[in-house]
Amino acid sequence: MIQESVKTLLQTEAEAVKNIPVTPEFEKALNILWEQVHQKKGKLITSGMGKAGQIAINMATTFSSTGTPAVFLHPSEAQHGDLGVIQENDTMILISNSGKTREIIELVELARGLRPGIRFIVITGNPDSLLAQAAEATLFTGNPPEVCALGLTPTTSTTTMTVIGDVLVVLLMKKIGFTNRDYSLRHHGGYLGDKSREAAGRENK
């Protein structure tokens, strides 16, 4: 019984990933990141509340490790001074499944108050939301039902959000021509550091 349940859950999550809508919004988002971070020398700022915030943290660290400087901004702490991290030419990825998260909606207005020209990319399960309307590029998760037994706990939705972030990371790595040597310069320790240096050495032969 348990094994069948596991198979069903895995299948449900896999189907949700396969059903993420592939739209021109991905290219829009990619171009915003390219222009703001790699041409205008700003940085990426990610943000989200709760589980979405944890995904935003992971996104920021993954972007940073692959050649796109990024930081996480907690939307509540932003109201107590951390908003000052936003600089000229920065861009933001905001994550909210409902697109109605109060702290994220408020962050949009606060960020615009400090940097009127700031550009937003939104990852959401509600493309008609107020948050989505504030975005220049909206990446829709497909709003899959949660596999949670109650249908409430962020589970399938967070899977799709994470995958969308991974897609953006890989697309941007390809666009900037990120190499094994570039990777090794950002990973001085651990298995990945060793592996990337070995690969860089082979490329230079």
C-alpha atoms as a PDB file:
ATOM      1  CA  MET A   1       0.000   0.000   0.000  1.00  0.00           C
ATOM      2  CA  ILE A   2       2.735   2.464   0.943  1.00  0.00           C
ATOM      3  CA  GLN A   3       4.679   1.797  -2.235  1.00  0.00           C
ATOM      4  CA  GLU A   4       1.589   2.419  -4.358  1.00  0.00           C
ATOM      5  CA  SER A   5       0.935   5.653  -2.508  1.00  0.00           C
ATOM      6  CA  VAL A   6       4.505   6.758  -3.117  1.00  0.00           C
ATOM      7  CA  LYS A   7       4.202   5.972  -6.824  1.00  0.00           C
ATOM      8  CA  THR A   8       0.945   7.934  -7.046  1.00  0.00           C
ATOM      9  CA  LEU A   9       2.421  10.949  -5.278  1.00  0.00           C
ATOM     10  CA  LEU A  10       5.510  10.927  -7.475  1.00  0.00           C
ATOM     11  CA  GLN A  11       3.397  10.617 -10.591  1.00  0.00           C
ATOM     12  CA  THR A  12       1.191  13.533  -9.519  1.00  0.00           C
ATOM     13  CA  GLU A  13       4.186  15.776  -8.883  1.00  0.00           C
ATOM     14  CA  ALA A  14       5.843  14.729 -12.141  1.00  0.00           C
ATOM     15  CA  GLU A  15       2.669  15.519 -14.096  1.00  0.00           C
ATOM     16  CA  ALA A  16       2.504  18.946 -12.475  1.00  0.00           C
ATOM     17  CA  VAL A  17       6.034  19.686 -13.652  1.00  0.00           C
ATOM     18  CA  LYS A  18       5.293  18.457 -17.185  1.00  0.00           C
ATOM     19  CA  ASN A  19       2.205  20.681 -17.283  1.00  0.00           C
ATOM     20  CA  ILE A  20       3.963  23.933 -16.388  1.00  0.00           C
ATOM     21  CA  PRO A  21       2.873  26.276 -19.207  1.00  0.00           C
ATOM     22  CA  VAL A  22       5.745  27.050 -21.583  1.00  0.00           C
ATOM     23  CA  THR A  23       5.077  30.577 -22.795  1.00  0.00           C
ATOM     24  CA  PRO A  24       7.002  33.586 -24.173  1.00  0.00           C
ATOM     25  CA  GLU A  25       7.117  34.861 -20.582  1.00  0.00           C
ATOM     26  CA  PHE A  26      10.199  32.693 -20.022  1.00  0.00           C
ATOM     27  CA  GLU A  27      12.066  34.573 -22.738  1.00  0.00           C
ATOM     28  CA  LYS A  28      10.888  37.883 -21.290  1.00  0.00           C
ATOM     29  CA  ALA A  29      12.169  36.911 -17.854  1.00  0.00           C
ATOM     30  CA  LEU A  30      15.478  35.716 -19.278  1.00  0.00           C
ATOM     31  CA  ASN A  31      15.994  38.978 -21.152  1.00  0.00           C
ATOM     32  CA  ILE A  32      15.204  41.063 -18.063  1.00  0.00           C
ATOM     33  CA  LEU A  33      17.804  39.164 -16.037  1.00  0.00           C
ATOM     34  CA  TRP A  34      20.350  39.441 -18.849  1.00  0.00           C
ATOM     35  CA  GLU A  35      19.816  43.164 -19.318  1.00  0.00           C
ATOM     36  CA  GLN A  36      19.665  44.218 -15.675  1.00  0.00           C
ATOM     37  CA  VAL A  37      22.357  41.982 -14.179  1.00  0.00           C
ATOM     38  CA  HIS A  38      24.766  41.202 -17.001  1.00  0.00           C
ATOM     39  CA  GLN A  39      24.551  44.360 -19.097  1.00  0.00           C
ATOM     40  CA  LYS A  40      23.634  47.079 -16.597  1.00  0.00           C
ATOM     41  CA  LYS A  41      25.534  45.410 -13.707  1.00  0.00           C
ATOM     42  CA  GLY A  42      22.667  45.342 -11.245  1.00  0.00           C
ATOM     43  CA  LYS A  43      21.835  42.254  -9.216  1.00  0.00           C
ATOM     44  CA  LEU A  44      18.926  39.898  -8.779  1.00  0.00           C
ATOM     45  CA  ILE A  45      16.852  40.087  -5.617  1.00  0.00           C
ATOM     46  CA  THR A  46      14.478  37.230  -4.821  1.00  0.00           C
ATOM     47  CA  SER A  47      11.662  37.321  -2.288  1.00  0.00           C
ATOM     48  CA  GLY A  48       8.761  35.293  -0.943  1.00  0.00           C
ATOM     49  CA  MET A  49       7.001  34.505   2.335  1.00  0.00           C
ATOM     50  CA  GLY A  50       6.916  31.145   4.103  1.00  0.00           C
ATOM     51  CA  LYS A  51       7.620  28.146   1.864  1.00  0.00           C
ATOM     52  CA  ALA A  52       7.869  30.444  -1.163  1.00  0.00           C
ATOM     53  CA  GLY A  53      10.528  32.386   0.711  1.00  0.00           C
ATOM     54  CA  GLN A  54      12.578  29.238   1.224  1.00  0.00           C
ATOM     55  CA  ILE A  55      12.433  28.620  -2.515  1.00  0.00           C
ATOM     56  CA  ALA A  56      13.485  32.239  -3.119  1.00  0.00           C
ATOM     57  CA  ILE A  57      16.525  31.711  -0.863  1.00  0.00           C
ATOM     58  CA  ASN A  58      17.513  28.615  -2.816  1.00  0.00           C
ATOM     59  CA  MET A  59      17.043  30.479  -6.088  1.00  0.00           C
ATOM     60  CA  ALA A  60      19.292  33.335  -4.988  1.00  0.00           C
ATOM     61  CA  THR A  61      22.111  31.015  -3.931  1.00  0.00           C
ATOM     62  CA  THR A  62      21.828  28.954  -7.130  1.00  0.00           C
ATOM     63  CA  PHE A  63      21.896  32.036  -9.354  1.00  0.00           C
ATOM     64  CA  SER A  64      24.899  33.404  -7.446  1.00  0.00           C
ATOM     65  CA  SER A  65      26.813  30.150  -7.809  1.00  0.00           C
ATOM     66  CA  THR A  66      26.231  30.123 -11.567  1.00  0.00           C
ATOM     67  CA  GLY A  67      27.373  33.615 -12.465  1.00  0.00           C
ATOM     68  CA  THR A  68      24.364  35.824 -11.698  1.00  0.00           C
ATOM     69  CA  PRO A  69      24.811  37.821  -8.467  1.00  0.00           C
ATOM     70  CA  ALA A  70      21.676  37.439  -6.345  1.00  0.00           C
ATOM     71  CA  VAL A  71      20.471  37.971  -2.789  1.00  0.00           C
ATOM     72  CA  PHE A  72      17.315  37.090  -0.870  1.00  0.00           C
ATOM     73  CA  LEU A  73      15.256  39.874   0.676  1.00  0.00           C
ATOM     74  CA  HIS A  74      12.764  38.911   3.372  1.00  0.00           C
ATOM     75  CA  PRO A  75       9.596  40.901   2.659  1.00  0.00           C
ATOM     76  CA  SER A  76       8.919  41.632   6.338  1.00  0.00           C
ATOM     77  CA  GLU A  77      12.495  42.644   7.116  1.00  0.00           C
ATOM     78  CA  ALA A  78      12.337  44.910   4.064  1.00  0.00           C
ATOM     79  CA  GLN A  79       9.914  47.080   6.037  1.00  0.00           C
ATOM     80  CA  HIS A  80      12.490  47.488   8.792  1.00  0.00           C
ATOM     81  CA  GLY A  81      15.451  48.746   6.803  1.00  0.00           C
ATOM     82  CA  ASP A  82      16.548  45.806   4.646  1.00  0.00           C
ATOM     83  CA  LEU A  83      14.881  47.463   1.648  1.00  0.00           C
ATOM     84  CA  GLY A  84      18.130  49.413   1.409  1.00  0.00           C
ATOM     85  CA  VAL A  85      19.743  46.435  -0.327  1.00  0.00           C
ATOM     86  CA  ILE A  86      17.977  47.481  -3.552  1.00  0.00           C
ATOM     87  CA  GLN A  87      20.315  49.434  -5.812  1.00  0.00           C
ATOM     88  CA  GLU A  88      20.258  50.988  -9.255  1.00  0.00           C
ATOM     89  CA  ASN A  89      19.497  48.483 -12.045  1.00  0.00           C
ATOM     90  CA  ASP A  90      18.524  45.649  -9.689  1.00  0.00           C
ATOM     91  CA  THR A  91      15.630  43.405 -10.665  1.00  0.00           C
ATOM     92  CA  MET A  92      13.381  41.221  -8.508  1.00  0.00           C
ATOM     93  CA  ILE A  93      11.878  37.754  -8.705  1.00  0.00           C
ATOM     94  CA  LEU A  94       8.825  37.599  -6.450  1.00  0.00           C
ATOM     95  CA  ILE A  95       7.244  34.249  -5.583  1.00  0.00           C
ATOM     96  CA  SER A  96       3.667  33.772  -4.352  1.00  0.00           C
ATOM     97  CA  ASN A  97       1.357  30.899  -5.214  1.00  0.00           C
ATOM     98  CA  SER A  98      -1.789  32.927  -4.557  1.00  0.00           C
ATOM     99  CA  GLY A  99      -0.396  36.163  -5.922  1.00  0.00           C
ATOM    100  CA  LYS A 100      -2.125  37.800  -2.961  1.00  0.00           C
ATOM    101  CA  THR A 101       0.504  37.550  -0.224  1.00  0.00           C
ATOM    102  CA  ARG A 102       0.191  40.843   1.645  1.00  0.00           C
ATOM    103  CA  GLU A 103       3.858  41.263   2.450  1.00  0.00           C
ATOM    104  CA  ILE A 104       4.866  40.686  -1.172  1.00  0.00           C
ATOM    105  CA  ILE A 105       2.248  43.102  -2.517  1.00  0.00           C
ATOM    106  CA  GLU A 106       3.533  45.710  -0.074  1.00  0.00           C
ATOM    107  CA  LEU A 107       7.112  44.974  -1.120  1.00  0.00           C
ATOM    108  CA  VAL A 108       6.271  45.901  -4.715  1.00  0.00           C
ATOM    109  CA  GLU A 109       5.166  49.373  -3.647  1.00  0.00           C
ATOM    110  CA  LEU A 110       8.069  49.831  -1.233  1.00  0.00           C
ATOM    111  CA  ALA A 111      10.602  48.816  -3.885  1.00  0.00           C
ATOM    112  CA  ARG A 112       9.042  51.188  -6.408  1.00  0.00           C
ATOM    113  CA  GLY A 113       9.136  53.968  -3.852  1.00  0.00           C
ATOM    114  CA  LEU A 114      12.877  53.525  -3.471  1.00  0.00           C
ATOM    115  CA  ARG A 115      13.701  52.597  -7.084  1.00  0.00           C
ATOM    116  CA  PRO A 116      10.851  53.702  -9.390  1.00  0.00           C
ATOM    117  CA  GLY A 117      12.248  51.896 -12.419  1.00  0.00           C
ATOM    118  CA  ILE A 118      12.760  48.506 -10.792  1.00  0.00           C
ATOM    119  CA  ARG A 119      11.596  45.533 -12.889  1.00  0.00           C
ATOM    120  CA  PHE A 120       9.679  42.546 -11.548  1.00  0.00           C
ATOM    121  CA  ILE A 121       9.469  38.893 -12.542  1.00  0.00           C
ATOM    122  CA  VAL A 122       6.713  36.960 -10.761  1.00  0.00           C
ATOM    123  CA  ILE A 123       6.316  33.209 -10.238  1.00  0.00           C
ATOM    124  CA  THR A 124       2.734  32.417  -9.252  1.00  0.00           C
ATOM    125  CA  GLY A 125      -0.190  30.047  -9.483  1.00  0.00           C
ATOM    126  CA  ASN A 126      -2.522  32.985 -10.124  1.00  0.00           C
ATOM    127  CA  PRO A 127      -1.663  34.849 -13.352  1.00  0.00           C
ATOM    128  CA  ASP A 128      -4.653  37.178 -12.887  1.00  0.00           C
ATOM    129  CA  SER A 129      -3.572  38.346  -9.438  1.00  0.00           C
ATOM    130  CA  LEU A 130      -2.603  41.844  -8.345  1.00  0.00           C
ATOM    131  CA  LEU A 131       0.985  40.666  -8.015  1.00  0.00           C
ATOM    132  CA  ALA A 132       1.051  39.312 -11.560  1.00  0.00           C
ATOM    133  CA  GLN A 133      -0.263  42.632 -12.840  1.00  0.00           C
ATOM    134  CA  ALA A 134       2.773  44.348 -11.320  1.00  0.00           C
ATOM    135  CA  ALA A 135       5.175  42.090 -13.207  1.00  0.00           C
ATOM    136  CA  GLU A 136       6.893  42.596 -16.523  1.00  0.00           C
ATOM    137  CA  ALA A 137       7.115  38.807 -16.870  1.00  0.00           C
ATOM    138  CA  THR A 138       4.774  36.346 -15.144  1.00  0.00           C
ATOM    139  CA  LEU A 139       5.735  32.682 -14.961  1.00  0.00           C
ATOM    140  CA  PHE A 140       2.631  30.592 -14.284  1.00  0.00           C
ATOM    141  CA  THR A 141       3.046  27.344 -12.346  1.00  0.00           C
ATOM    142  CA  GLY A 142      -0.140  25.889 -13.829  1.00  0.00           C
ATOM    143  CA  ASN A 143      -1.700  26.058 -10.352  1.00  0.00           C
ATOM    144  CA  PRO A 144      -1.593  22.280  -9.738  1.00  0.00           C
ATOM    145  CA  PRO A 145      -3.585  20.853  -6.811  1.00  0.00           C
ATOM    146  CA  GLU A 146      -1.454  20.160  -3.762  1.00  0.00           C
ATOM    147  CA  VAL A 147      -0.674  16.506  -3.029  1.00  0.00           C
ATOM    148  CA  CYS A 148      -1.048  17.343   0.671  1.00  0.00           C
ATOM    149  CA  ALA A 149      -3.736  15.099   2.211  1.00  0.00           C
ATOM    150  CA  LEU A 150      -5.648  18.256   3.167  1.00  0.00           C
ATOM    151  CA  GLY A 151      -5.017  20.006  -0.130  1.00  0.00           C
ATOM    152  CA  LEU A 152      -3.504  22.917   1.784  1.00  0.00           C
ATOM    153  CA  THR A 153       0.198  22.491   2.538  1.00  0.00           C
ATOM    154  CA  PRO A 154       2.452  23.887  -0.213  1.00  0.00           C
ATOM    155  CA  THR A 155       3.753  20.723  -1.858  1.00  0.00           C
ATOM    156  CA  THR A 156       3.087  20.403  -5.584  1.00  0.00           C
ATOM    157  CA  SER A 157       3.005  24.181  -5.956  1.00  0.00           C
ATOM    158  CA  THR A 158       6.458  24.528  -4.411  1.00  0.00           C
ATOM    159  CA  THR A 159       7.768  21.777  -6.680  1.00  0.00           C
ATOM    160  CA  THR A 160       6.695  23.712  -9.776  1.00  0.00           C
ATOM    161  CA  MET A 161       8.087  26.978  -8.410  1.00  0.00           C
ATOM    162  CA  THR A 162      11.444  25.324  -7.783  1.00  0.00           C
ATOM    163  CA  VAL A 163      11.548  23.851 -11.275  1.00  0.00           C
ATOM    164  CA  ILE A 164      10.742  27.212 -12.867  1.00  0.00           C
ATOM    165  CA  GLY A 165      13.664  28.698 -10.944  1.00  0.00           C
ATOM    166  CA  ASP A 166      15.938  25.911 -12.166  1.00  0.00           C
ATOM    167  CA  VAL A 167      14.852  26.556 -15.754  1.00  0.00           C
ATOM    168  CA  LEU A 168      15.734  30.252 -15.462  1.00  0.00           C
ATOM    169  CA  VAL A 169      19.119  29.424 -13.942  1.00  0.00           C
ATOM    170  CA  VAL A 170      20.055  27.013 -16.729  1.00  0.00           C
ATOM    171  CA  LEU A 171      18.799  29.299 -19.512  1.00  0.00           C
ATOM    172  CA  LEU A 172      20.853  32.175 -18.136  1.00  0.00           C
ATOM    173  CA  MET A 173      23.954  30.002 -17.691  1.00  0.00           C
ATOM    174  CA  LYS A 174      23.735  29.165 -21.385  1.00  0.00           C
ATOM    175  CA  LYS A 175      23.144  32.786 -22.383  1.00  0.00           C
ATOM    176  CA  ILE A 176      26.192  34.082 -20.507  1.00  0.00           C
ATOM    177  CA  GLY A 177      28.387  31.157 -21.572  1.00  0.00           C
ATOM    178  CA  PHE A 178      29.102  30.046 -18.001  1.00  0.00           C
ATOM    179  CA  THR A 179      32.020  27.573 -17.973  1.00  0.00           C
ATOM    180  CA  ASN A 180      33.523  24.976 -15.661  1.00  0.00           C
ATOM    181  CA  ARG A 181      36.296  27.450 -14.854  1.00  0.00           C
ATOM    182  CA  ASP A 182      33.713  30.090 -13.937  1.00  0.00           C
ATOM    183  CA  TYR A 183      32.031  27.532 -11.700  1.00  0.00           C
ATOM    184  CA  SER A 184      35.302  26.526 -10.030  1.00  0.00           C
ATOM    185  CA  LEU A 185      36.092  30.144  -9.162  1.00  0.00           C
ATOM    186  CA  ARG A 186      32.885  30.258  -7.115  1.00  0.00           C
ATOM    187  CA  HIS A 187      33.289  26.826  -5.492  1.00  0.00           C
ATOM    188  CA  HIS A 188      36.595  26.573  -3.655  1.00  0.00           C
ATOM    189  CA  GLY A 189      35.643  23.672  -1.416  1.00  0.00           C
ATOM    190  CA  GLY A 190      33.825  20.384  -1.465  1.00  0.00           C
ATOM    191  CA  TYR A 191      33.046  17.830  -4.116  1.00  0.00           C
ATOM    192  CA  LEU A 192      31.592  20.300  -6.618  1.00  0.00           C
ATOM    193  CA  GLY A 193      34.674  22.488  -6.376  1.00  0.00           C
ATOM    194  CA  ASP A 194      36.960  19.540  -7.095  1.00  0.00           C
ATOM    195  CA  LYS A 195      34.762  18.312  -9.930  1.00  0.00           C
ATOM    196  CA  SER A 196      34.551  21.709 -11.626  1.00  0.00           C
ATOM    197  CA  ARG A 197      38.332  22.247 -11.400  1.00  0.00           C
ATOM    198  CA  GLU A 198      38.951  18.850 -12.936  1.00  0.00           C
ATOM    199  CA  ALA A 199      36.525  19.633 -15.770  1.00  0.00           C
ATOM    200  CA  ALA A 200      38.107  23.055 -16.283  1.00  0.00           C
ATOM    201  CA  GLY A 201      41.522  21.416 -16.485  1.00  0.00           C
ATOM    202  CA  ARG A 202      40.342  19.037 -19.188  1.00  0.00           C
ATOM    203  CA  GLU A 203      38.846  21.917 -21.169  1.00  0.00           C
ATOM    204  CA  ASN A 204      42.159  23.812 -21.107  1.00  0.00           C
ATOM    205  CA  LYS A 205      44.187  20.912 -22.465  1.00  0.00           C
END
